């Protein structure tokens, strides 16, 4: 097994290689505006660091969000392209599940990432491997009662201390965690779904009202 994992659902552009036992190379950069520019060099970097070729990869793991439309589609399209080119399966995992897995908190907790517009993408977990609700997108004030008393993980939680007063690392998702979670599931014989984006809301870009199409006569 050699899994290539990647995620662009958050400001973190993150890539990792996992050989079925451990992570052999990883790269993460936080830049919300350069997903398309940074992703492929990161893939090249982890391959170089590991001394492996792309054609050695046996599966692709992609974080499916939730996340903003533009950033998320960069990772998903790249994952699908690699899968088609290499003839290997492409698996999708919830980005929040990767954060939960990396946090390794025993007992109930919540994961929250920044959804912009003064909202968070969030989900509740009974442990680091079991999501019990979500993902959803809401204003923090609207979920204060639902998350009261629970420790929280993620950059979204750090932004709203009134709702999430007890915040733990990690702040950003890592492809290493996604790859490790996928490898664990596959080793147990679990079937992982194909990547389907979790947008949860419409894209920020909209066609202006009263837009007039101009065509040549």
N, C-alpha and C. Protein backbone atom coordinates (compact mmCIF):
# COMPACT_ATOMS: atom_id res chain seq x y z
N UNK A 1 0.84 -1.20 0.00
CA UNK A 1 0.00 0.00 0.00
C UNK A 1 0.87 1.25 0.00
N UNK A 2 0.54 2.18 -0.86
CA UNK A 2 1.17 3.50 -0.82
C UNK A 2 0.09 4.52 -1.16
N UNK A 3 -0.37 5.24 -0.14
CA UNK A 3 -1.44 6.21 -0.30
C UNK A 3 -0.88 7.61 -0.44
N UNK A 4 -1.39 8.33 -1.42
CA UNK A 4 -1.10 9.75 -1.56
C UNK A 4 -2.33 10.50 -1.08
N UNK A 5 -2.18 11.25 0.01
CA UNK A 5 -3.31 11.99 0.59
C UNK A 5 -3.11 13.48 0.39
N UNK A 6 -4.22 14.18 0.16
CA UNK A 6 -4.15 15.63 0.00
C UNK A 6 -5.45 16.28 0.44
N UNK A 7 -5.34 17.54 0.86
CA UNK A 7 -6.52 18.28 1.30
C UNK A 7 -6.31 19.76 1.05
N UNK A 8 -7.32 20.39 0.43
CA UNK A 8 -7.31 21.83 0.21
C UNK A 8 -8.63 22.46 0.65
N UNK A 9 -9.32 21.83 1.58
CA UNK A 9 -10.62 22.32 2.01
C UNK A 9 -10.53 23.49 2.98
N UNK A 10 -9.36 23.72 3.54
CA UNK A 10 -9.12 24.81 4.48
C UNK A 10 -7.95 25.65 3.96
N UNK A 11 -7.51 26.68 4.65
CA UNK A 11 -6.34 27.42 4.19
C UNK A 11 -5.06 26.58 4.10
N UNK A 12 -5.05 25.41 4.72
CA UNK A 12 -3.88 24.54 4.66
C UNK A 12 -3.86 23.74 3.36
N UNK A 13 -2.73 23.81 2.66
CA UNK A 13 -2.49 22.97 1.48
C UNK A 13 -1.58 21.85 1.98
N UNK A 14 -2.12 20.65 2.09
CA UNK A 14 -1.40 19.60 2.79
C UNK A 14 -1.38 18.30 1.99
N UNK A 15 -0.22 17.65 1.96
CA UNK A 15 0.00 16.43 1.18
C UNK A 15 0.83 15.45 2.01
N UNK A 16 0.56 14.16 1.88
CA UNK A 16 1.34 13.16 2.59
C UNK A 16 1.35 11.84 1.84
N UNK A 17 2.38 11.06 2.09
CA UNK A 17 2.49 9.69 1.58
C UNK A 17 2.48 8.73 2.76
N UNK A 18 1.70 7.66 2.65
CA UNK A 18 1.59 6.67 3.73
C UNK A 18 1.79 5.28 3.13
N UNK A 19 2.69 4.49 3.71
CA UNK A 19 3.02 3.19 3.13
C UNK A 19 2.23 2.03 3.72
N UNK A 20 1.15 2.36 4.44
CA UNK A 20 0.35 1.31 5.07
C UNK A 20 0.73 1.06 6.50
N UNK A 21 1.93 1.53 6.89
CA UNK A 21 2.39 1.40 8.26
C UNK A 21 2.57 2.75 8.93
N UNK A 22 3.13 3.68 8.19
CA UNK A 22 3.38 5.01 8.74
C UNK A 22 3.49 6.03 7.62
N UNK A 23 3.49 7.30 7.99
CA UNK A 23 3.69 8.39 7.04
C UNK A 23 5.17 8.45 6.68
N UNK A 24 5.47 8.43 5.39
CA UNK A 24 6.86 8.44 4.96
C UNK A 24 7.32 9.83 4.52
N UNK A 25 6.40 10.72 4.21
CA UNK A 25 6.75 12.09 3.85
C UNK A 25 5.49 12.94 3.90
N UNK A 26 5.65 14.23 4.24
CA UNK A 26 4.49 15.12 4.30
C UNK A 26 4.91 16.56 4.05
N UNK A 27 3.93 17.36 3.66
CA UNK A 27 4.16 18.78 3.43
C UNK A 27 2.87 19.53 3.73
N UNK A 28 2.97 20.65 4.46
CA UNK A 28 1.80 21.48 4.74
C UNK A 28 2.18 22.95 4.72
N UNK A 29 1.39 23.74 4.02
CA UNK A 29 1.56 25.18 3.97
C UNK A 29 0.19 25.82 4.14
N UNK A 30 0.14 26.91 4.89
CA UNK A 30 -1.13 27.60 5.12
C UNK A 30 -1.16 28.87 4.29
N UNK A 31 -2.03 28.87 3.29
CA UNK A 31 -2.19 30.03 2.42
C UNK A 31 -3.53 29.89 1.71
N UNK A 32 -4.51 30.65 2.16
CA UNK A 32 -5.89 30.49 1.67
C UNK A 32 -6.07 30.88 0.21
N UNK A 33 -5.11 31.59 -0.37
CA UNK A 33 -5.30 32.11 -1.72
C UNK A 33 -4.44 31.42 -2.79
N UNK A 34 -3.68 30.38 -2.41
CA UNK A 34 -2.73 29.82 -3.36
C UNK A 34 -2.83 28.29 -3.46
N UNK A 35 -4.02 27.75 -3.26
CA UNK A 35 -4.17 26.29 -3.31
C UNK A 35 -3.68 25.72 -4.64
N UNK A 36 -4.13 26.31 -5.73
CA UNK A 36 -3.75 25.79 -7.05
C UNK A 36 -2.27 25.92 -7.32
N UNK A 37 -1.66 26.95 -6.80
CA UNK A 37 -0.24 27.18 -7.02
C UNK A 37 0.64 26.27 -6.18
N UNK A 38 0.18 25.94 -4.98
CA UNK A 38 1.03 25.22 -4.03
C UNK A 38 0.86 23.70 -4.05
N UNK A 39 -0.28 23.20 -4.54
CA UNK A 39 -0.58 21.78 -4.37
C UNK A 39 0.38 20.87 -5.13
N UNK A 40 0.54 21.06 -6.42
CA UNK A 40 1.40 20.15 -7.20
C UNK A 40 2.86 20.21 -6.76
N UNK A 41 3.44 21.39 -6.46
CA UNK A 41 4.80 21.39 -5.92
C UNK A 41 4.90 20.62 -4.61
N UNK A 42 3.84 20.64 -3.79
CA UNK A 42 3.85 19.87 -2.54
C UNK A 42 3.86 18.38 -2.82
N UNK A 43 3.09 17.95 -3.82
CA UNK A 43 3.11 16.53 -4.21
C UNK A 43 4.52 16.13 -4.66
N UNK A 44 5.12 16.96 -5.50
CA UNK A 44 6.48 16.69 -5.97
C UNK A 44 7.46 16.63 -4.81
N UNK A 45 7.27 17.51 -3.84
CA UNK A 45 8.17 17.57 -2.69
C UNK A 45 8.12 16.30 -1.85
N UNK A 46 6.92 15.79 -1.58
CA UNK A 46 6.83 14.58 -0.76
C UNK A 46 7.34 13.36 -1.52
N UNK A 47 7.14 13.33 -2.83
CA UNK A 47 7.68 12.21 -3.61
C UNK A 47 9.21 12.25 -3.60
N UNK A 48 9.77 13.42 -3.75
CA UNK A 48 11.24 13.56 -3.73
C UNK A 48 11.79 13.17 -2.37
N UNK A 49 11.14 13.65 -1.32
CA UNK A 49 11.60 13.36 0.04
C UNK A 49 11.57 11.86 0.34
N UNK A 50 10.57 11.18 -0.19
CA UNK A 50 10.42 9.75 0.08
C UNK A 50 11.27 8.88 -0.85
N UNK A 51 11.76 9.48 -1.93
CA UNK A 51 12.51 8.71 -2.91
C UNK A 51 11.65 7.79 -3.74
N UNK A 52 10.35 8.11 -3.83
CA UNK A 52 9.42 7.28 -4.58
C UNK A 52 8.88 8.02 -5.79
N UNK A 53 8.37 7.25 -6.75
CA UNK A 53 7.78 7.83 -7.95
C UNK A 53 6.27 7.83 -7.83
N UNK A 54 5.64 8.71 -8.57
CA UNK A 54 4.19 8.80 -8.53
C UNK A 54 3.53 7.49 -8.95
N UNK A 55 4.14 6.78 -9.88
CA UNK A 55 3.51 5.53 -10.35
C UNK A 55 3.59 4.40 -9.33
N UNK A 56 4.24 4.65 -8.18
CA UNK A 56 4.24 3.66 -7.10
C UNK A 56 3.00 3.76 -6.22
N UNK A 57 2.27 4.85 -6.36
CA UNK A 57 1.08 5.08 -5.53
C UNK A 57 -0.02 4.08 -5.89
N UNK A 58 -0.66 3.51 -4.86
CA UNK A 58 -1.71 2.51 -5.07
C UNK A 58 -3.11 3.05 -4.76
N UNK A 59 -3.19 4.25 -4.21
CA UNK A 59 -4.48 4.85 -3.90
C UNK A 59 -4.34 6.31 -3.55
N UNK A 60 -5.39 7.08 -3.82
CA UNK A 60 -5.41 8.51 -3.53
C UNK A 60 -6.46 8.77 -2.45
N UNK A 61 -6.12 9.58 -1.48
CA UNK A 61 -7.05 9.98 -0.42
C UNK A 61 -7.24 11.48 -0.50
N UNK A 62 -8.48 11.93 -0.61
CA UNK A 62 -8.76 13.37 -0.73
C UNK A 62 -9.69 13.81 0.38
N UNK A 63 -9.34 14.92 1.02
CA UNK A 63 -10.25 15.54 1.96
C UNK A 63 -11.40 16.18 1.21
N UNK A 64 -12.63 15.88 1.58
CA UNK A 64 -13.80 16.34 0.82
C UNK A 64 -14.50 17.52 1.48
N UNK A 65 -13.87 18.11 2.48
CA UNK A 65 -14.46 19.25 3.14
C UNK A 65 -15.23 18.84 4.39
N UNK A 66 -16.10 19.72 4.83
CA UNK A 66 -16.62 20.91 4.15
C UNK A 66 -15.58 22.00 4.00
N UNK A 67 -15.78 22.81 2.96
CA UNK A 67 -14.87 23.90 2.69
C UNK A 67 -15.41 24.79 1.60
N UNK A 68 -14.76 25.94 1.40
CA UNK A 68 -15.17 26.85 0.34
C UNK A 68 -15.02 26.20 -1.04
N UNK A 69 -15.87 26.58 -1.94
CA UNK A 69 -15.95 25.96 -3.26
C UNK A 69 -14.62 25.99 -4.00
N UNK A 70 -13.99 27.16 -4.09
CA UNK A 70 -12.80 27.31 -4.92
C UNK A 70 -11.65 26.46 -4.41
N UNK A 71 -11.34 26.57 -3.12
CA UNK A 71 -10.22 25.80 -2.58
C UNK A 71 -10.46 24.31 -2.61
N UNK A 72 -11.65 23.90 -2.24
CA UNK A 72 -11.96 22.48 -2.16
C UNK A 72 -11.85 21.79 -3.51
N UNK A 73 -12.33 22.44 -4.57
CA UNK A 73 -12.33 21.78 -5.88
C UNK A 73 -10.92 21.59 -6.42
N UNK A 74 -9.96 22.40 -5.98
CA UNK A 74 -8.57 22.22 -6.41
C UNK A 74 -8.07 20.83 -6.01
N UNK A 75 -8.28 20.48 -4.75
CA UNK A 75 -7.82 19.19 -4.27
C UNK A 75 -8.58 18.03 -4.88
N UNK A 76 -9.89 18.17 -5.01
CA UNK A 76 -10.70 17.07 -5.53
C UNK A 76 -10.42 16.81 -7.00
N UNK A 77 -10.27 17.86 -7.78
CA UNK A 77 -9.96 17.67 -9.20
C UNK A 77 -8.57 17.07 -9.38
N UNK A 78 -7.62 17.49 -8.55
CA UNK A 78 -6.27 16.93 -8.62
C UNK A 78 -6.29 15.45 -8.25
N UNK A 79 -7.02 15.11 -7.20
CA UNK A 79 -7.11 13.71 -6.78
C UNK A 79 -7.73 12.85 -7.87
N UNK A 80 -8.82 13.33 -8.46
CA UNK A 80 -9.47 12.57 -9.54
C UNK A 80 -8.54 12.40 -10.74
N UNK A 81 -7.79 13.45 -11.06
CA UNK A 81 -6.87 13.38 -12.20
C UNK A 81 -5.77 12.35 -11.95
N UNK A 82 -5.19 12.37 -10.76
CA UNK A 82 -4.18 11.38 -10.42
C UNK A 82 -4.76 9.97 -10.48
N UNK A 83 -5.96 9.80 -9.96
CA UNK A 83 -6.58 8.48 -9.97
C UNK A 83 -6.78 7.95 -11.37
N UNK A 84 -7.25 8.81 -12.27
CA UNK A 84 -7.45 8.40 -13.67
C UNK A 84 -6.14 8.10 -14.36
N UNK A 85 -5.14 8.95 -14.14
CA UNK A 85 -3.84 8.77 -14.80
C UNK A 85 -3.13 7.51 -14.33
N UNK A 86 -3.27 7.21 -13.05
CA UNK A 86 -2.55 6.06 -12.49
C UNK A 86 -3.39 4.78 -12.51
N UNK A 87 -4.69 4.92 -12.72
CA UNK A 87 -5.56 3.75 -12.69
C UNK A 87 -5.71 3.17 -11.30
N UNK A 88 -5.77 4.07 -10.28
CA UNK A 88 -5.88 3.61 -8.89
C UNK A 88 -7.14 4.21 -8.27
N UNK A 89 -7.65 3.61 -7.21
CA UNK A 89 -8.86 4.14 -6.57
C UNK A 89 -8.62 5.48 -5.89
N UNK A 90 -9.67 6.28 -5.84
CA UNK A 90 -9.63 7.56 -5.14
C UNK A 90 -10.66 7.51 -4.02
N UNK A 91 -10.23 7.77 -2.79
CA UNK A 91 -11.09 7.71 -1.62
C UNK A 91 -11.34 9.11 -1.07
N UNK A 92 -12.52 9.32 -0.52
CA UNK A 92 -12.85 10.59 0.09
C UNK A 92 -13.07 10.46 1.58
N UNK A 93 -12.48 11.39 2.34
CA UNK A 93 -12.69 11.44 3.79
C UNK A 93 -13.07 12.86 4.18
N UNK A 94 -13.96 12.99 5.14
CA UNK A 94 -14.34 14.29 5.65
C UNK A 94 -13.12 14.98 6.29
N UNK A 95 -12.88 16.21 5.90
CA UNK A 95 -11.75 16.96 6.44
C UNK A 95 -11.82 17.08 7.96
N UNK A 96 -13.02 17.26 8.49
CA UNK A 96 -13.17 17.37 9.94
C UNK A 96 -12.80 16.07 10.64
N UNK A 97 -13.02 14.93 9.96
CA UNK A 97 -12.62 13.64 10.53
C UNK A 97 -11.09 13.56 10.67
N UNK A 98 -10.38 14.16 9.70
CA UNK A 98 -8.93 14.19 9.80
C UNK A 98 -8.45 14.99 10.99
N UNK A 99 -9.09 16.12 11.25
CA UNK A 99 -8.75 16.93 12.43
C UNK A 99 -9.06 16.17 13.71
N UNK A 100 -10.20 15.50 13.74
CA UNK A 100 -10.57 14.74 14.93
C UNK A 100 -9.58 13.61 15.19
N UNK A 101 -9.18 12.92 14.14
CA UNK A 101 -8.23 11.81 14.28
C UNK A 101 -6.90 12.31 14.82
N UNK A 102 -6.44 13.43 14.32
CA UNK A 102 -5.16 13.98 14.77
C UNK A 102 -5.22 14.47 16.21
N UNK A 103 -6.40 14.97 16.64
CA UNK A 103 -6.53 15.48 17.99
C UNK A 103 -6.41 14.38 19.04
N UNK A 104 -6.90 13.18 18.71
CA UNK A 104 -6.80 12.02 19.60
C UNK A 104 -7.32 12.32 21.00
N UNK A 105 -8.48 12.96 21.07
CA UNK A 105 -9.10 13.28 22.35
C UNK A 105 -10.02 12.13 22.77
N UNK A 106 -9.90 11.73 24.02
CA UNK A 106 -10.76 10.67 24.53
C UNK A 106 -12.01 11.29 25.13
N UNK A 107 -13.17 10.92 24.62
CA UNK A 107 -14.41 11.49 25.10
C UNK A 107 -14.98 12.49 24.10
N UNK A 108 -16.18 12.96 24.32
CA UNK A 108 -16.86 13.84 23.38
C UNK A 108 -16.11 15.16 23.15
N UNK A 109 -16.14 15.64 21.93
CA UNK A 109 -15.56 16.93 21.59
C UNK A 109 -16.12 17.40 20.26
N UNK A 110 -15.74 18.59 19.85
CA UNK A 110 -16.25 19.18 18.62
C UNK A 110 -15.08 19.68 17.78
N UNK A 111 -15.22 19.59 16.47
CA UNK A 111 -14.24 20.13 15.53
C UNK A 111 -14.90 21.29 14.78
N UNK A 112 -14.18 22.40 14.64
CA UNK A 112 -14.73 23.56 13.94
C UNK A 112 -13.66 24.21 13.08
N UNK A 113 -13.98 24.43 11.81
CA UNK A 113 -13.09 25.15 10.91
C UNK A 113 -13.77 26.44 10.45
N UNK A 114 -12.98 27.36 9.95
CA UNK A 114 -13.50 28.66 9.55
C UNK A 114 -14.28 28.56 8.25
N UNK A 115 -15.55 28.91 8.27
CA UNK A 115 -16.39 28.89 7.08
C UNK A 115 -16.55 30.28 6.48
N UNK A 116 -15.85 31.27 7.04
CA UNK A 116 -16.00 32.67 6.64
C UNK A 116 -17.43 33.12 6.90
N UNK A 117 -17.76 34.35 6.49
CA UNK A 117 -19.10 34.92 6.71
C UNK A 117 -19.52 34.84 8.18
N UNK A 118 -18.54 34.83 9.09
CA UNK A 118 -18.78 34.72 10.53
C UNK A 118 -19.48 33.41 10.89
N UNK A 119 -19.14 32.34 10.14
CA UNK A 119 -19.70 31.02 10.39
C UNK A 119 -18.58 29.99 10.55
N UNK A 120 -18.94 28.82 11.05
CA UNK A 120 -17.99 27.71 11.16
C UNK A 120 -18.59 26.45 10.55
N UNK A 121 -17.72 25.63 9.98
CA UNK A 121 -18.08 24.25 9.66
C UNK A 121 -17.77 23.44 10.92
N UNK A 122 -18.70 22.61 11.35
CA UNK A 122 -18.47 21.92 12.62
C UNK A 122 -19.13 20.54 12.64
N UNK A 123 -18.62 19.72 13.55
CA UNK A 123 -19.19 18.39 13.77
C UNK A 123 -18.85 17.95 15.18
N UNK A 124 -19.69 17.09 15.73
CA UNK A 124 -19.45 16.54 17.07
C UNK A 124 -18.94 15.11 16.95
N UNK A 125 -18.07 14.72 17.91
CA UNK A 125 -17.45 13.40 17.93
C UNK A 125 -17.56 12.80 19.32
N UNK A 126 -17.77 11.48 19.37
CA UNK A 126 -17.77 10.78 20.66
C UNK A 126 -16.35 10.37 21.03
N UNK A 127 -15.50 10.22 20.03
CA UNK A 127 -14.06 9.98 20.22
C UNK A 127 -13.37 10.37 18.92
N UNK A 128 -12.07 10.15 18.83
CA UNK A 128 -11.31 10.66 17.69
C UNK A 128 -11.63 9.96 16.37
N UNK A 129 -12.36 8.86 16.42
CA UNK A 129 -12.69 8.12 15.20
C UNK A 129 -14.19 8.06 14.90
N UNK A 130 -15.02 8.63 15.76
CA UNK A 130 -16.46 8.46 15.61
C UNK A 130 -17.19 9.80 15.60
N UNK A 131 -17.67 10.17 14.42
CA UNK A 131 -18.49 11.40 14.29
C UNK A 131 -19.93 11.05 14.59
N UNK A 132 -20.57 11.84 15.45
CA UNK A 132 -21.95 11.55 15.87
C UNK A 132 -22.95 12.55 15.31
N UNK A 133 -22.49 13.70 14.82
CA UNK A 133 -23.39 14.64 14.16
C UNK A 133 -22.58 15.56 13.26
N UNK A 134 -23.26 16.10 12.24
CA UNK A 134 -22.59 16.98 11.29
C UNK A 134 -21.97 16.18 10.16
N UNK A 135 -21.26 16.89 9.28
CA UNK A 135 -20.89 18.31 9.40
C UNK A 135 -22.04 19.24 9.05
N UNK A 136 -21.94 20.47 9.62
CA UNK A 136 -22.93 21.50 9.38
C UNK A 136 -22.21 22.84 9.32
N UNK A 137 -22.92 23.85 8.86
CA UNK A 137 -22.37 25.20 8.84
C UNK A 137 -23.35 26.12 9.57
N UNK A 138 -22.83 26.86 10.56
CA UNK A 138 -23.68 27.73 11.38
C UNK A 138 -22.86 28.88 11.94
N UNK A 139 -23.58 29.91 12.41
CA UNK A 139 -22.94 30.95 13.19
C UNK A 139 -22.65 30.41 14.58
N UNK A 140 -21.48 30.71 15.14
CA UNK A 140 -21.14 30.15 16.45
C UNK A 140 -22.19 30.41 17.53
N UNK A 141 -22.78 31.61 17.52
CA UNK A 141 -23.76 31.92 18.55
C UNK A 141 -24.97 30.99 18.48
N UNK A 142 -25.23 30.43 17.31
CA UNK A 142 -26.39 29.56 17.13
C UNK A 142 -26.16 28.15 17.66
N UNK A 143 -24.91 27.79 17.92
CA UNK A 143 -24.62 26.42 18.37
C UNK A 143 -23.99 26.39 19.75
N UNK A 144 -24.00 27.53 20.44
CA UNK A 144 -23.38 27.60 21.76
C UNK A 144 -23.93 26.54 22.70
N UNK A 145 -25.23 26.36 22.70
CA UNK A 145 -25.85 25.37 23.58
C UNK A 145 -25.48 23.96 23.16
N UNK A 146 -25.38 23.70 21.86
CA UNK A 146 -25.09 22.35 21.37
C UNK A 146 -23.67 21.90 21.70
N UNK A 147 -22.74 22.86 21.81
CA UNK A 147 -21.34 22.50 22.06
C UNK A 147 -20.88 22.86 23.46
N UNK A 148 -21.78 23.32 24.30
CA UNK A 148 -21.42 23.77 25.64
C UNK A 148 -20.72 22.66 26.43
N UNK A 149 -19.61 23.03 27.04
CA UNK A 149 -18.88 22.09 27.88
C UNK A 149 -17.97 21.14 27.15
N UNK A 150 -17.96 21.21 25.81
CA UNK A 150 -17.14 20.29 25.04
C UNK A 150 -15.81 20.94 24.65
N UNK A 151 -14.70 20.21 24.75
CA UNK A 151 -13.46 20.72 24.17
C UNK A 151 -13.60 20.81 22.66
N UNK A 152 -12.83 21.70 22.06
CA UNK A 152 -12.94 21.94 20.62
C UNK A 152 -11.57 21.89 19.97
N UNK A 153 -11.57 21.60 18.66
CA UNK A 153 -10.36 21.50 17.87
C UNK A 153 -10.58 22.28 16.58
N UNK A 154 -9.54 22.97 16.10
CA UNK A 154 -9.62 23.60 14.78
C UNK A 154 -9.56 25.11 14.81
N UNK A 155 -9.17 25.67 13.66
CA UNK A 155 -9.01 27.11 13.52
C UNK A 155 -10.33 27.86 13.72
N UNK A 156 -11.43 27.26 13.35
CA UNK A 156 -12.73 27.90 13.55
C UNK A 156 -13.04 28.11 15.02
N UNK A 157 -12.66 27.15 15.84
CA UNK A 157 -12.88 27.27 17.28
C UNK A 157 -12.05 28.40 17.88
N UNK A 158 -10.84 28.58 17.40
CA UNK A 158 -9.97 29.64 17.91
C UNK A 158 -10.52 31.02 17.64
N UNK A 159 -11.31 31.15 16.58
CA UNK A 159 -11.85 32.46 16.21
C UNK A 159 -12.98 32.92 17.12
N UNK A 160 -13.62 31.98 17.83
CA UNK A 160 -14.82 32.33 18.59
C UNK A 160 -14.73 31.77 20.02
N UNK A 161 -13.89 32.39 20.85
CA UNK A 161 -13.67 31.86 22.20
C UNK A 161 -14.92 31.89 23.08
N UNK A 162 -15.89 32.75 22.79
CA UNK A 162 -17.11 32.76 23.60
C UNK A 162 -17.89 31.46 23.43
N UNK A 163 -17.85 30.91 22.22
CA UNK A 163 -18.55 29.65 21.95
C UNK A 163 -17.66 28.44 22.26
N UNK A 164 -16.35 28.59 21.98
CA UNK A 164 -15.40 27.47 22.17
C UNK A 164 -14.29 27.91 23.12
N UNK A 165 -14.55 27.92 24.42
CA UNK A 165 -13.53 28.41 25.37
C UNK A 165 -12.38 27.44 25.63
N UNK A 166 -12.57 26.17 25.28
CA UNK A 166 -11.57 25.13 25.60
C UNK A 166 -11.08 24.50 24.29
N UNK A 167 -10.02 25.05 23.71
CA UNK A 167 -9.57 24.66 22.37
C UNK A 167 -8.24 23.92 22.44
N UNK A 168 -8.14 22.84 21.66
CA UNK A 168 -6.94 22.02 21.61
C UNK A 168 -6.39 21.97 20.18
N UNK A 169 -5.14 21.58 20.06
CA UNK A 169 -4.54 21.38 18.73
C UNK A 169 -5.07 20.08 18.14
N UNK A 170 -4.98 19.94 16.79
CA UNK A 170 -4.36 20.84 15.83
C UNK A 170 -5.28 21.97 15.37
N UNK A 171 -4.66 23.02 14.88
CA UNK A 171 -5.42 24.14 14.33
C UNK A 171 -5.89 23.84 12.91
N UNK A 172 -5.00 23.22 12.13
CA UNK A 172 -5.30 22.93 10.72
C UNK A 172 -5.22 21.43 10.45
N UNK A 173 -5.96 21.00 9.44
CA UNK A 173 -5.93 19.59 9.05
C UNK A 173 -4.58 19.25 8.44
N UNK A 174 -4.17 18.01 8.58
CA UNK A 174 -2.95 17.52 7.93
C UNK A 174 -3.29 16.30 7.09
N UNK A 175 -2.66 16.22 5.91
CA UNK A 175 -2.84 15.04 5.07
C UNK A 175 -2.28 13.80 5.74
N UNK A 176 -1.32 13.98 6.63
CA UNK A 176 -0.78 12.84 7.37
C UNK A 176 -1.88 12.14 8.17
N UNK A 177 -2.73 12.94 8.83
CA UNK A 177 -3.82 12.36 9.61
C UNK A 177 -4.85 11.69 8.70
N UNK A 178 -5.18 12.34 7.58
CA UNK A 178 -6.11 11.73 6.64
C UNK A 178 -5.58 10.41 6.10
N UNK A 179 -4.30 10.39 5.73
CA UNK A 179 -3.69 9.18 5.20
C UNK A 179 -3.68 8.07 6.25
N UNK A 180 -3.34 8.42 7.48
CA UNK A 180 -3.29 7.42 8.55
C UNK A 180 -4.67 6.86 8.85
N UNK A 181 -5.67 7.74 8.85
CA UNK A 181 -7.04 7.29 9.08
C UNK A 181 -7.51 6.38 7.95
N UNK A 182 -7.22 6.75 6.71
CA UNK A 182 -7.61 5.92 5.58
C UNK A 182 -6.90 4.57 5.61
N UNK A 183 -5.61 4.57 5.91
CA UNK A 183 -4.85 3.32 5.98
C UNK A 183 -5.42 2.40 7.05
N UNK A 184 -5.80 2.98 8.17
CA UNK A 184 -6.38 2.18 9.26
C UNK A 184 -7.70 1.55 8.83
N UNK A 185 -8.54 2.33 8.19
CA UNK A 185 -9.83 1.83 7.74
C UNK A 185 -9.68 0.74 6.67
N UNK A 186 -8.78 0.98 5.72
CA UNK A 186 -8.56 0.00 4.65
C UNK A 186 -7.99 -1.30 5.20
N UNK A 187 -7.10 -1.20 6.19
CA UNK A 187 -6.52 -2.39 6.79
C UNK A 187 -7.58 -3.24 7.50
N UNK A 188 -8.65 -2.57 7.98
CA UNK A 188 -9.75 -3.28 8.63
C UNK A 188 -10.77 -3.83 7.64
N UNK A 189 -10.53 -3.55 6.36
CA UNK A 189 -11.44 -4.02 5.34
C UNK A 189 -12.64 -3.12 5.10
N UNK A 190 -12.61 -1.92 5.65
CA UNK A 190 -13.72 -0.99 5.43
C UNK A 190 -13.68 -0.44 4.01
N UNK A 191 -14.85 -0.21 3.46
CA UNK A 191 -14.95 0.41 2.15
C UNK A 191 -15.02 1.93 2.30
N UNK A 192 -14.13 2.62 1.64
CA UNK A 192 -14.13 4.08 1.70
C UNK A 192 -14.86 4.64 0.48
N UNK A 193 -15.63 5.69 0.66
CA UNK A 193 -16.41 6.24 -0.45
C UNK A 193 -15.55 7.00 -1.45
N UNK A 194 -16.06 7.14 -2.65
CA UNK A 194 -15.42 8.02 -3.63
C UNK A 194 -15.58 9.46 -3.15
N UNK A 195 -14.67 10.34 -3.53
CA UNK A 195 -14.74 11.72 -3.04
C UNK A 195 -15.92 12.48 -3.62
N UNK A 196 -16.75 13.01 -2.74
CA UNK A 196 -17.87 13.86 -3.12
C UNK A 196 -17.79 15.12 -2.27
N UNK A 197 -17.72 16.28 -2.87
CA UNK A 197 -17.47 17.50 -2.10
C UNK A 197 -18.59 17.84 -1.13
N UNK A 198 -18.20 18.27 0.05
CA UNK A 198 -19.14 18.76 1.06
C UNK A 198 -19.07 20.29 1.05
N UNK A 199 -19.84 20.90 0.18
CA UNK A 199 -19.84 22.36 0.11
C UNK A 199 -20.73 22.97 1.20
N UNK A 200 -21.85 22.36 1.48
CA UNK A 200 -22.82 22.77 2.49
C UNK A 200 -23.54 24.08 2.19
N UNK A 201 -23.00 24.88 1.29
CA UNK A 201 -23.71 26.10 0.90
C UNK A 201 -23.24 26.50 -0.49
N UNK A 202 -23.92 27.46 -1.08
CA UNK A 202 -23.61 27.90 -2.43
C UNK A 202 -22.27 28.64 -2.46
N UNK A 203 -21.58 28.65 -3.61
CA UNK A 203 -20.31 29.37 -3.70
C UNK A 203 -20.49 30.87 -3.50
N UNK A 204 -19.40 31.52 -3.06
CA UNK A 204 -19.44 32.97 -2.83
C UNK A 204 -19.70 33.74 -4.12
N UNK A 205 -19.12 33.28 -5.22
CA UNK A 205 -19.27 33.97 -6.49
C UNK A 205 -20.68 33.75 -7.04
N UNK A 206 -21.33 34.81 -7.40
CA UNK A 206 -22.69 34.74 -7.93
C UNK A 206 -22.79 35.59 -9.19
N UNK A 207 -23.67 35.19 -10.11
CA UNK A 207 -23.94 36.02 -11.28
C UNK A 207 -24.72 37.25 -10.83
N UNK A 208 -24.27 38.46 -11.16
CA UNK A 208 -24.96 39.68 -10.70
C UNK A 208 -26.40 39.71 -11.19
N UNK A 209 -27.26 40.31 -10.38
CA UNK A 209 -28.64 40.48 -10.80
C UNK A 209 -28.71 41.45 -11.98
N UNK A 210 -29.72 41.25 -12.83
CA UNK A 210 -29.91 42.09 -14.01
C UNK A 210 -28.71 42.01 -14.97
N UNK A 211 -27.99 40.88 -14.89
CA UNK A 211 -26.83 40.70 -15.77
C UNK A 211 -27.30 40.56 -17.21
N UNK A 212 -26.71 41.32 -18.10
CA UNK A 212 -27.08 41.30 -19.52
C UNK A 212 -26.03 40.58 -20.33
N UNK A 213 -26.45 39.59 -21.09
CA UNK A 213 -25.54 38.86 -21.97
C UNK A 213 -25.42 39.62 -23.30
N UNK A 214 -24.21 39.97 -23.66
CA UNK A 214 -23.99 40.69 -24.91
C UNK A 214 -23.44 39.73 -25.93
N UNK A 215 -24.14 39.54 -27.02
CA UNK A 215 -23.68 38.64 -28.10
C UNK A 215 -23.56 39.43 -29.39
N UNK A 216 -22.60 39.08 -30.21
CA UNK A 216 -22.45 39.79 -31.49
C UNK A 216 -23.64 39.57 -32.38
N UNK A 217 -24.00 40.59 -33.13
CA UNK A 217 -25.12 40.48 -34.07
C UNK A 217 -24.70 39.77 -35.34
